[in-house]
mmCIF file of all heavy atoms, coordinates in Angstrom:
data_MODEL
# 
_entry.id   MODEL 
# 
loop_
_atom_site.group_PDB 
_atom_site.id 
_atom_site.type_symbol 
_atom_site.label_atom_id 
_atom_site.label_alt_id 
_atom_site.label_comp_id 
_atom_site.label_asym_id 
_atom_site.label_entity_id 
_atom_site.label_seq_id 
_atom_site.pdbx_PDB_ins_code 
_atom_site.Cartn_x 
_atom_site.Cartn_y 
_atom_site.Cartn_z 
_atom_site.occupancy 
_atom_site.B_iso_or_equiv 
_atom_site.pdbx_formal_charge 
_atom_site.auth_seq_id 
_atom_site.auth_comp_id 
_atom_site.auth_asym_id 
_atom_site.auth_atom_id 
_atom_site.pdbx_PDB_model_num 
ATOM 1   N N   . ALA A 1 1  ? 0.677  3.297  4.644  1.00 0.00 ? 1  ALA A N   1 
ATOM 2   C CA  . ALA A 1 1  ? 0.591  2.522  5.866  1.00 0.00 ? 1  ALA A CA  1 
ATOM 3   C C   . ALA A 1 1  ? 0.521  1.053  5.490  1.00 0.00 ? 1  ALA A C   1 
ATOM 4   O O   . ALA A 1 1  ? -0.406 0.623  4.817  1.00 0.00 ? 1  ALA A O   1 
ATOM 5   C CB  . ALA A 1 1  ? -0.644 2.926  6.677  1.00 0.00 ? 1  ALA A CB  1 
ATOM 6   N N   . ALA A 1 2  ? 1.532  0.307  5.919  1.00 0.00 ? 2  ALA A N   1 
ATOM 7   C CA  . ALA A 1 2  ? 1.630  -1.106 5.542  1.00 0.00 ? 2  ALA A CA  1 
ATOM 8   C C   . ALA A 1 2  ? 2.432  -1.826 6.606  1.00 0.00 ? 2  ALA A C   1 
ATOM 9   O O   . ALA A 1 2  ? 2.704  -1.280 7.692  1.00 0.00 ? 2  ALA A O   1 
ATOM 10  C CB  . ALA A 1 2  ? 2.302  -1.243 4.171  1.00 0.00 ? 2  ALA A CB  1 
ATOM 11  N N   . GLY A 1 3  ? 2.846  -3.052 6.319  1.00 0.00 ? 3  GLY A N   1 
ATOM 12  C CA  . GLY A 1 3  ? 3.646  -3.804 7.247  1.00 0.00 ? 3  GLY A CA  1 
ATOM 13  C C   . GLY A 1 3  ? 5.054  -3.193 7.411  1.00 0.00 ? 3  GLY A C   1 
ATOM 14  O O   . GLY A 1 3  ? 5.511  -2.422 6.560  1.00 0.00 ? 3  GLY A O   1 
ATOM 15  N N   . LEU A 1 4  ? 5.691  -3.538 8.507  1.00 0.00 ? 4  LEU A N   1 
ATOM 16  C CA  . LEU A 1 4  ? 7.045  -3.028 8.772  1.00 0.00 ? 4  LEU A CA  1 
ATOM 17  C C   . LEU A 1 4  ? 8.012  -3.388 7.662  1.00 0.00 ? 4  LEU A C   1 
ATOM 18  O O   . LEU A 1 4  ? 8.859  -2.577 7.268  1.00 0.00 ? 4  LEU A O   1 
ATOM 19  C CB  . LEU A 1 4  ? 7.541  -3.590 10.106 1.00 0.00 ? 4  LEU A CB  1 
ATOM 20  C CG  . LEU A 1 4  ? 8.971  -3.271 10.510 1.00 0.00 ? 4  LEU A CG  1 
ATOM 21  C CD1 . LEU A 1 4  ? 9.130  -1.776 10.788 1.00 0.00 ? 4  LEU A CD1 1 
ATOM 22  C CD2 . LEU A 1 4  ? 9.381  -4.073 11.740 1.00 0.00 ? 4  LEU A CD2 1 
ATOM 23  N N   . ALA A 1 5  ? 7.923  -4.607 7.115  1.00 0.00 ? 5  ALA A N   1 
ATOM 24  C CA  . ALA A 1 5  ? 8.884  -5.063 6.108  1.00 0.00 ? 5  ALA A CA  1 
ATOM 25  C C   . ALA A 1 5  ? 8.847  -4.227 4.824  1.00 0.00 ? 5  ALA A C   1 
ATOM 26  O O   . ALA A 1 5  ? 9.917  -3.856 4.318  1.00 0.00 ? 5  ALA A O   1 
ATOM 27  C CB  . ALA A 1 5  ? 8.650  -6.533 5.802  1.00 0.00 ? 5  ALA A CB  1 
ATOM 28  N N   . PRO A 1 6  ? 7.677  -3.894 4.249  1.00 0.00 ? 6  PRO A N   1 
ATOM 29  C CA  . PRO A 1 6  ? 7.690  -3.033 3.066  1.00 0.00 ? 6  PRO A CA  1 
ATOM 30  C C   . PRO A 1 6  ? 8.320  -1.673 3.336  1.00 0.00 ? 6  PRO A C   1 
ATOM 31  O O   . PRO A 1 6  ? 9.007  -1.119 2.469  1.00 0.00 ? 6  PRO A O   1 
ATOM 32  C CB  . PRO A 1 6  ? 6.195  -2.905 2.738  1.00 0.00 ? 6  PRO A CB  1 
ATOM 33  C CG  . PRO A 1 6  ? 5.571  -4.128 3.291  1.00 0.00 ? 6  PRO A CG  1 
ATOM 34  C CD  . PRO A 1 6  ? 6.345  -4.431 4.537  1.00 0.00 ? 6  PRO A CD  1 
ATOM 35  N N   . MET A 1 7  ? 8.095  -1.117 4.533  1.00 0.00 ? 7  MET A N   1 
ATOM 36  C CA  . MET A 1 7  ? 8.708  0.165  4.858  1.00 0.00 ? 7  MET A CA  1 
ATOM 37  C C   . MET A 1 7  ? 10.236 0.032  4.918  1.00 0.00 ? 7  MET A C   1 
ATOM 38  O O   . MET A 1 7  ? 10.970 0.860  4.374  1.00 0.00 ? 7  MET A O   1 
ATOM 39  C CB  . MET A 1 7  ? 8.169  0.680  6.189  1.00 0.00 ? 7  MET A CB  1 
ATOM 40  C CG  . MET A 1 7  ? 8.680  2.081  6.565  1.00 0.00 ? 7  MET A CG  1 
ATOM 41  S SD  . MET A 1 7  ? 10.277 2.104  7.420  1.00 0.00 ? 7  MET A SD  1 
ATOM 42  C CE  . MET A 1 7  ? 9.766  1.600  9.078  1.00 0.00 ? 7  MET A CE  1 
ATOM 43  N N   . LEU A 1 8  ? 10.720 -1.043 5.576  1.00 0.00 ? 8  LEU A N   1 
ATOM 44  C CA  . LEU A 1 8  ? 12.164 -1.246 5.676  1.00 0.00 ? 8  LEU A CA  1 
ATOM 45  C C   . LEU A 1 8  ? 12.786 -1.415 4.292  1.00 0.00 ? 8  LEU A C   1 
ATOM 46  O O   . LEU A 1 8  ? 13.885 -0.913 4.021  1.00 0.00 ? 8  LEU A O   1 
ATOM 47  C CB  . LEU A 1 8  ? 12.472 -2.462 6.556  1.00 0.00 ? 8  LEU A CB  1 
ATOM 48  C CG  . LEU A 1 8  ? 12.282 -2.276 8.052  1.00 0.00 ? 8  LEU A CG  1 
ATOM 49  C CD1 . LEU A 1 8  ? 12.349 -3.622 8.770  1.00 0.00 ? 8  LEU A CD1 1 
ATOM 50  C CD2 . LEU A 1 8  ? 13.342 -1.330 8.617  1.00 0.00 ? 8  LEU A CD2 1 
ATOM 51  N N   . THR A 1 9  ? 12.097 -2.140 3.416  1.00 0.00 ? 9  THR A N   1 
ATOM 52  C CA  . THR A 1 9  ? 12.591 -2.338 2.047  1.00 0.00 ? 9  THR A CA  1 
ATOM 53  C C   . THR A 1 9  ? 12.741 -1.010 1.329  1.00 0.00 ? 9  THR A C   1 
ATOM 54  O O   . THR A 1 9  ? 13.766 -0.747 0.670  1.00 0.00 ? 9  THR A O   1 
ATOM 55  C CB  . THR A 1 9  ? 11.640 -3.269 1.281  1.00 0.00 ? 9  THR A CB  1 
ATOM 56  O OG1 . THR A 1 9  ? 11.524 -4.522 1.950  1.00 0.00 ? 9  THR A OG1 1 
ATOM 57  C CG2 . THR A 1 9  ? 12.127 -3.503 -0.127 1.00 0.00 ? 9  THR A CG2 1 
ATOM 58  N N   . LEU A 1 10 ? 11.741 -0.148 1.464  1.00 0.00 ? 10 LEU A N   1 
ATOM 59  C CA  . LEU A 1 10 ? 11.788 1.143  0.799  1.00 0.00 ? 10 LEU A CA  1 
ATOM 60  C C   . LEU A 1 10 ? 12.804 2.076  1.445  1.00 0.00 ? 10 LEU A C   1 
ATOM 61  O O   . LEU A 1 10 ? 13.479 2.838  0.764  1.00 0.00 ? 10 LEU A O   1 
ATOM 62  C CB  . LEU A 1 10 ? 10.385 1.789  0.818  1.00 0.00 ? 10 LEU A CB  1 
ATOM 63  C CG  . LEU A 1 10 ? 10.079 2.762  -0.310 1.00 0.00 ? 10 LEU A CG  1 
ATOM 64  C CD1 . LEU A 1 10 ? 10.360 2.162  -1.672 1.00 0.00 ? 10 LEU A CD1 1 
ATOM 65  C CD2 . LEU A 1 10 ? 8.621  3.206  -0.241 1.00 0.00 ? 10 LEU A CD2 1 
ATOM 66  N N   . TRP A 1 11 ? 12.922 2.020  2.774  1.00 0.00 ? 11 TRP A N   1 
ATOM 67  C CA  . TRP A 1 11 ? 13.962 2.789  3.470  1.00 0.00 ? 11 TRP A CA  1 
ATOM 68  C C   . TRP A 1 11 ? 15.342 2.442  2.902  1.00 0.00 ? 11 TRP A C   1 
ATOM 69  O O   . TRP A 1 11 ? 16.169 3.324  2.631  1.00 0.00 ? 11 TRP A O   1 
ATOM 70  C CB  . TRP A 1 11 ? 13.921 2.489  4.961  1.00 0.00 ? 11 TRP A CB  1 
ATOM 71  C CG  . TRP A 1 11 ? 15.166 2.883  5.705  1.00 0.00 ? 11 TRP A CG  1 
ATOM 72  C CD1 . TRP A 1 11 ? 15.538 4.151  6.075  1.00 0.00 ? 11 TRP A CD1 1 
ATOM 73  C CD2 . TRP A 1 11 ? 16.227 2.005  6.130  1.00 0.00 ? 11 TRP A CD2 1 
ATOM 74  N NE1 . TRP A 1 11 ? 16.755 4.113  6.717  1.00 0.00 ? 11 TRP A NE1 1 
ATOM 75  C CE2 . TRP A 1 11 ? 17.207 2.819  6.760  1.00 0.00 ? 11 TRP A CE2 1 
ATOM 76  C CE3 . TRP A 1 11 ? 16.434 0.641  6.054  1.00 0.00 ? 11 TRP A CE3 1 
ATOM 77  C CZ2 . TRP A 1 11 ? 18.389 2.286  7.304  1.00 0.00 ? 11 TRP A CZ2 1 
ATOM 78  C CZ3 . TRP A 1 11 ? 17.601 0.103  6.590  1.00 0.00 ? 11 TRP A CZ3 1 
ATOM 79  C CH2 . TRP A 1 11 ? 18.542 0.928  7.191  1.00 0.00 ? 11 TRP A CH2 1 
ATOM 80  N N   . ASP A 1 12 ? 15.582 1.172  2.707  1.00 0.00 ? 12 ASP A N   1 
ATOM 81  C CA  . ASP A 1 12 ? 16.872 0.683  2.231  1.00 0.00 ? 12 ASP A CA  1 
ATOM 82  C C   . ASP A 1 12 ? 17.129 1.135  0.792  1.00 0.00 ? 12 ASP A C   1 
ATOM 83  O O   . ASP A 1 12 ? 18.215 1.643  0.478  1.00 0.00 ? 12 ASP A O   1 
ATOM 84  C CB  . ASP A 1 12 ? 16.891 -0.846 2.315  1.00 0.00 ? 12 ASP A CB  1 
ATOM 85  C CG  . ASP A 1 12 ? 18.221 -1.441 1.920  1.00 0.00 ? 12 ASP A CG  1 
ATOM 86  O OD1 . ASP A 1 12 ? 19.255 -1.060 2.506  1.00 0.00 ? 12 ASP A OD1 1 
ATOM 87  O OD2 . ASP A 1 12 ? 18.252 -2.288 1.012  1.00 0.00 ? 12 ASP A OD2 1 
ATOM 88  N N   . LYS A 1 13 ? 16.128 0.996  -0.064 1.00 0.00 ? 13 LYS A N   1 
ATOM 89  C CA  . LYS A 1 13 ? 16.319 1.274  -1.492 1.00 0.00 ? 13 LYS A CA  1 
ATOM 90  C C   . LYS A 1 13 ? 16.273 2.759  -1.827 1.00 0.00 ? 13 LYS A C   1 
ATOM 91  O O   . LYS A 1 13 ? 16.826 3.180  -2.845 1.00 0.00 ? 13 LYS A O   1 
ATOM 92  C CB  . LYS A 1 13 ? 15.255 0.522  -2.299 1.00 0.00 ? 13 LYS A CB  1 
ATOM 93  C CG  . LYS A 1 13 ? 15.428 -0.988 -2.276 1.00 0.00 ? 13 LYS A CG  1 
ATOM 94  C CD  . LYS A 1 13 ? 14.368 -1.679 -3.122 1.00 0.00 ? 13 LYS A CD  1 
ATOM 95  C CE  . LYS A 1 13 ? 14.581 -3.188 -3.142 1.00 0.00 ? 13 LYS A CE  1 
ATOM 96  N NZ  . LYS A 1 13 ? 13.556 -3.882 -3.950 1.00 0.00 ? 13 LYS A NZ  1 
ATOM 97  N N   . SER A 1 14 ? 15.612 3.554  -0.988 1.00 0.00 ? 14 SER A N   1 
ATOM 98  C CA  . SER A 1 14 ? 15.393 4.970  -1.347 1.00 0.00 ? 14 SER A CA  1 
ATOM 99  C C   . SER A 1 14 ? 16.281 5.934  -0.592 1.00 0.00 ? 14 SER A C   1 
ATOM 100 O O   . SER A 1 14 ? 16.107 7.145  -0.701 1.00 0.00 ? 14 SER A O   1 
ATOM 101 C CB  . SER A 1 14 ? 13.933 5.325  -1.062 1.00 0.00 ? 14 SER A CB  1 
ATOM 102 O OG  . SER A 1 14 ? 13.701 5.470  0.332  1.00 0.00 ? 14 SER A OG  1 
ATOM 103 N N   . ALA A 1 15 ? 17.223 5.416  0.186  1.00 0.00 ? 15 ALA A N   1 
ATOM 104 C CA  . ALA A 1 15 ? 17.990 6.259  1.106  1.00 0.00 ? 15 ALA A CA  1 
ATOM 105 C C   . ALA A 1 15 ? 18.649 7.453  0.400  1.00 0.00 ? 15 ALA A C   1 
ATOM 106 O O   . ALA A 1 15 ? 18.616 8.576  0.913  1.00 0.00 ? 15 ALA A O   1 
ATOM 107 C CB  . ALA A 1 15 ? 19.039 5.413  1.816  1.00 0.00 ? 15 ALA A CB  1 
ATOM 108 N N   . LYS A 1 16 ? 19.217 7.228  -0.780 1.00 0.00 ? 16 LYS A N   1 
ATOM 109 C CA  . LYS A 1 16 ? 19.965 8.293  -1.443 1.00 0.00 ? 16 LYS A CA  1 
ATOM 110 C C   . LYS A 1 16 ? 19.091 9.229  -2.270 1.00 0.00 ? 16 LYS A C   1 
ATOM 111 O O   . LYS A 1 16 ? 19.528 10.320 -2.646 1.00 0.00 ? 16 LYS A O   1 
ATOM 112 C CB  . LYS A 1 16 ? 21.040 7.670  -2.348 1.00 0.00 ? 16 LYS A CB  1 
ATOM 113 C CG  . LYS A 1 16 ? 22.130 6.930  -1.586 1.00 0.00 ? 16 LYS A CG  1 
ATOM 114 C CD  . LYS A 1 16 ? 23.162 6.353  -2.523 1.00 0.00 ? 16 LYS A CD  1 
ATOM 115 C CE  . LYS A 1 16 ? 24.252 5.617  -1.758 1.00 0.00 ? 16 LYS A CE  1 
ATOM 116 N NZ  . LYS A 1 16 ? 25.270 5.003  -2.665 1.00 0.00 ? 16 LYS A NZ  1 
ATOM 117 N N   . VAL A 1 17 ? 17.860 8.823  -2.563 1.00 0.00 ? 17 VAL A N   1 
ATOM 118 C CA  . VAL A 1 17 ? 17.005 9.623  -3.433 1.00 0.00 ? 17 VAL A CA  1 
ATOM 119 C C   . VAL A 1 17 ? 15.812 10.206 -2.704 1.00 0.00 ? 17 VAL A C   1 
ATOM 120 O O   . VAL A 1 17 ? 15.591 11.424 -2.698 1.00 0.00 ? 17 VAL A O   1 
ATOM 121 C CB  . VAL A 1 17 ? 16.518 8.786  -4.654 1.00 0.00 ? 17 VAL A CB  1 
ATOM 122 C CG1 . VAL A 1 17 ? 15.664 9.642  -5.574 1.00 0.00 ? 17 VAL A CG1 1 
ATOM 123 C CG2 . VAL A 1 17 ? 17.695 8.201  -5.414 1.00 0.00 ? 17 VAL A CG2 1 
ATOM 124 N N   . TYR A 1 18 ? 15.017 9.346  -2.060 1.00 0.00 ? 18 TYR A N   1 
ATOM 125 C CA  . TYR A 1 18 ? 13.769 9.792  -1.443 1.00 0.00 ? 18 TYR A CA  1 
ATOM 126 C C   . TYR A 1 18 ? 13.810 9.842  0.083  1.00 0.00 ? 18 TYR A C   1 
ATOM 127 O O   . TYR A 1 18 ? 12.999 10.527 0.694  1.00 0.00 ? 18 TYR A O   1 
ATOM 128 C CB  . TYR A 1 18 ? 12.617 8.881  -1.878 1.00 0.00 ? 18 TYR A CB  1 
ATOM 129 C CG  . TYR A 1 18 ? 12.373 8.897  -3.365 1.00 0.00 ? 18 TYR A CG  1 
ATOM 130 C CD1 . TYR A 1 18 ? 12.539 7.748  -4.134 1.00 0.00 ? 18 TYR A CD1 1 
ATOM 131 C CD2 . TYR A 1 18 ? 11.945 10.065 -4.001 1.00 0.00 ? 18 TYR A CD2 1 
ATOM 132 C CE1 . TYR A 1 18 ? 12.302 7.760  -5.502 1.00 0.00 ? 18 TYR A CE1 1 
ATOM 133 C CE2 . TYR A 1 18 ? 11.701 10.076 -5.362 1.00 0.00 ? 18 TYR A CE2 1 
ATOM 134 C CZ  . TYR A 1 18 ? 11.881 8.922  -6.110 1.00 0.00 ? 18 TYR A CZ  1 
ATOM 135 O OH  . TYR A 1 18 ? 11.639 8.925  -7.451 1.00 0.00 ? 18 TYR A OH  1 
ATOM 136 N N   . GLY A 1 19 ? 14.709 9.116  0.698  1.00 0.00 ? 19 GLY A N   1 
ATOM 137 C CA  . GLY A 1 19 ? 14.819 9.135  2.146  1.00 0.00 ? 19 GLY A CA  1 
ATOM 138 C C   . GLY A 1 19 ? 13.552 8.695  2.877  1.00 0.00 ? 19 GLY A C   1 
ATOM 139 O O   . GLY A 1 19 ? 13.155 9.307  3.850  1.00 0.00 ? 19 GLY A O   1 
ATOM 140 N N   . VAL A 1 20 ? 12.944 7.639  2.399  1.00 0.00 ? 20 VAL A N   1 
ATOM 141 C CA  . VAL A 1 20 ? 11.712 7.140  3.032  1.00 0.00 ? 20 VAL A CA  1 
ATOM 142 C C   . VAL A 1 20 ? 12.022 6.590  4.423  1.00 0.00 ? 20 VAL A C   1 
ATOM 143 O O   . VAL A 1 20 ? 12.980 5.821  4.603  1.00 0.00 ? 20 VAL A O   1 
ATOM 144 C CB  . VAL A 1 20 ? 11.041 6.057  2.174  1.00 0.00 ? 20 VAL A CB  1 
ATOM 145 C CG1 . VAL A 1 20 ? 9.879  5.400  2.917  1.00 0.00 ? 20 VAL A CG1 1 
ATOM 146 C CG2 . VAL A 1 20 ? 10.549 6.638  0.857  1.00 0.00 ? 20 VAL A CG2 1 
ATOM 147 N N   . LYS A 1 21 ? 11.215 6.990  5.405  1.00 0.00 ? 21 LYS A N   1 
ATOM 148 C CA  . LYS A 1 21 ? 11.341 6.462  6.773  1.00 0.00 ? 21 LYS A CA  1 
ATOM 149 C C   . LYS A 1 21 ? 9.951  6.364  7.395  1.00 0.00 ? 21 LYS A C   1 
ATOM 150 O O   . LYS A 1 21 ? 8.968  6.878  6.854  1.00 0.00 ? 21 LYS A O   1 
ATOM 151 C CB  . LYS A 1 21 ? 12.215 7.388  7.639  1.00 0.00 ? 21 LYS A CB  1 
ATOM 152 C CG  . LYS A 1 21 ? 13.683 7.426  7.261  1.00 0.00 ? 21 LYS A CG  1 
ATOM 153 C CD  . LYS A 1 21 ? 14.457 8.290  8.260  1.00 0.00 ? 21 LYS A CD  1 
ATOM 154 C CE  . LYS A 1 21 ? 15.925 8.370  7.908  1.00 0.00 ? 21 LYS A CE  1 
ATOM 155 N NZ  . LYS A 1 21 ? 16.692 9.181  8.908  1.00 0.00 ? 21 LYS A NZ  1 
ATOM 156 N N   . GLY A 1 22 ? 9.915  5.759  8.565  1.00 0.00 ? 22 GLY A N   1 
ATOM 157 C CA  . GLY A 1 22 ? 8.653  5.618  9.278  1.00 0.00 ? 22 GLY A CA  1 
ATOM 158 C C   . GLY A 1 22 ? 8.264  6.910  9.962  1.00 0.00 ? 22 GLY A C   1 
ATOM 159 O O   . GLY A 1 22 ? 9.112  7.591  10.556 1.00 0.00 ? 22 GLY A O   1 
ATOM 160 N N   . LEU A 1 23 ? 6.976  7.248  9.857  1.00 0.00 ? 23 LEU A N   1 
ATOM 161 C CA  . LEU A 1 23 ? 6.419  8.350  10.626 1.00 0.00 ? 23 LEU A CA  1 
ATOM 162 C C   . LEU A 1 23 ? 6.047  7.880  12.026 1.00 0.00 ? 23 LEU A C   1 
ATOM 163 O O   . LEU A 1 23 ? 6.281  8.551  13.025 1.00 0.00 ? 23 LEU A O   1 
ATOM 164 C CB  . LEU A 1 23 ? 5.164  8.890  9.943  1.00 0.00 ? 23 LEU A CB  1 
ATOM 165 C CG  . LEU A 1 23 ? 5.304  9.816  8.761  1.00 0.00 ? 23 LEU A CG  1 
ATOM 166 C CD1 . LEU A 1 23 ? 3.935  10.090 8.137  1.00 0.00 ? 23 LEU A CD1 1 
ATOM 167 C CD2 . LEU A 1 23 ? 5.960  11.128 9.182  1.00 0.00 ? 23 LEU A CD2 1 
ATOM 168 N N   . SER A 1 24 ? 5.463  6.685  12.083 1.00 0.00 ? 24 SER A N   1 
ATOM 169 C CA  . SER A 1 24 ? 5.015  6.133  13.346 1.00 0.00 ? 24 SER A CA  1 
ATOM 170 C C   . SER A 1 24 ? 4.758  4.647  13.187 1.00 0.00 ? 24 SER A C   1 
ATOM 171 O O   . SER A 1 24 ? 4.526  4.164  12.065 1.00 0.00 ? 24 SER A O   1 
ATOM 172 C CB  . SER A 1 24 ? 3.728  6.815  13.815 1.00 0.00 ? 24 SER A CB  1 
ATOM 173 O OG  . SER A 1 24 ? 2.682  6.544  12.894 1.00 0.00 ? 24 SER A OG  1 
ATOM 174 N N   . ALA A 1 25 ? 4.767  3.927  14.302 1.00 0.00 ? 25 ALA A N   1 
ATOM 175 C CA  . ALA A 1 25 ? 4.221  2.577  14.317 1.00 0.00 ? 25 ALA A CA  1 
ATOM 176 C C   . ALA A 1 25 ? 2.717  2.695  14.483 1.00 0.00 ? 25 ALA A C   1 
ATOM 177 O O   . ALA A 1 25 ? 2.211  3.728  14.909 1.00 0.00 ? 25 ALA A O   1 
ATOM 178 C CB  . ALA A 1 25 ? 4.826  1.773  15.461 1.00 0.00 ? 25 ALA A CB  1 
ATOM 179 N N   . ILE A 1 26 ? 1.986  1.654  14.106 1.00 0.00 ? 26 ILE A N   1 
ATOM 180 C CA  . ILE A 1 26 ? 0.534  1.681  14.226 1.00 0.00 ? 26 ILE A CA  1 
ATOM 181 C C   . ILE A 1 26 ? 0.023  0.557  15.136 1.00 0.00 ? 26 ILE A C   1 
ATOM 182 O O   . ILE A 1 26 ? -0.716 0.795  16.071 1.00 0.00 ? 26 ILE A O   1 
ATOM 183 C CB  . ILE A 1 26 ? -0.144 1.555  12.845 1.00 0.00 ? 26 ILE A CB  1 
ATOM 184 C CG1 . ILE A 1 26 ? 0.287  2.717  11.921 1.00 0.00 ? 26 ILE A CG1 1 
ATOM 185 C CG2 . ILE A 1 26 ? -1.671 1.575  12.994 1.00 0.00 ? 26 ILE A CG2 1 
ATOM 186 C CD1 . ILE A 1 26 ? -0.210 2.580  10.496 1.00 0.00 ? 26 ILE A CD1 1 
ATOM 187 N N   . ASN A 1 27 ? 0.499  -0.650 14.865 1.00 0.00 ? 27 ASN A N   1 
ATOM 188 C CA  . ASN A 1 27 ? -0.101 -1.795 15.548 1.00 0.00 ? 27 ASN A CA  1 
ATOM 189 C C   . ASN A 1 27 ? 0.907  -2.900 15.785 1.00 0.00 ? 27 ASN A C   1 
ATOM 190 O O   . ASN A 1 27 ? 1.783  -3.154 14.953 1.00 0.00 ? 27 ASN A O   1 
ATOM 191 C CB  . ASN A 1 27 ? -1.270 -2.329 14.694 1.00 0.00 ? 27 ASN A CB  1 
ATOM 192 C CG  . ASN A 1 27 ? -1.789 -3.665 15.152 1.00 0.00 ? 27 ASN A CG  1 
ATOM 193 O OD1 . ASN A 1 27 ? -1.503 -4.684 14.541 1.00 0.00 ? 27 ASN A OD1 1 
ATOM 194 N ND2 . ASN A 1 27 ? -2.556 -3.675 16.232 1.00 0.00 ? 27 ASN A ND2 1 
ATOM 195 N N   . ALA A 1 28 ? 0.799  -3.564 16.928 1.00 0.00 ? 28 ALA A N   1 
ATOM 196 C CA  . ALA A 1 28 ? 1.528  -4.807 17.200 1.00 0.00 ? 28 ALA A CA  1 
ATOM 197 C C   . ALA A 1 28 ? 0.485  -5.879 17.449 1.00 0.00 ? 28 ALA A C   1 
ATOM 198 O O   . ALA A 1 28 ? -0.327 -5.763 18.357 1.00 0.00 ? 28 ALA A O   1 
ATOM 199 C CB  . ALA A 1 28 ? 2.436  -4.635 18.410 1.00 0.00 ? 28 ALA A CB  1 
# 
């Protein structure tokens, strides 16, 4: 659980191997 940007970075880099995505938003 972290900021949106670290998740987007990992989503981008891990798409072909780990497929990281968001489970849910937490806070605005």
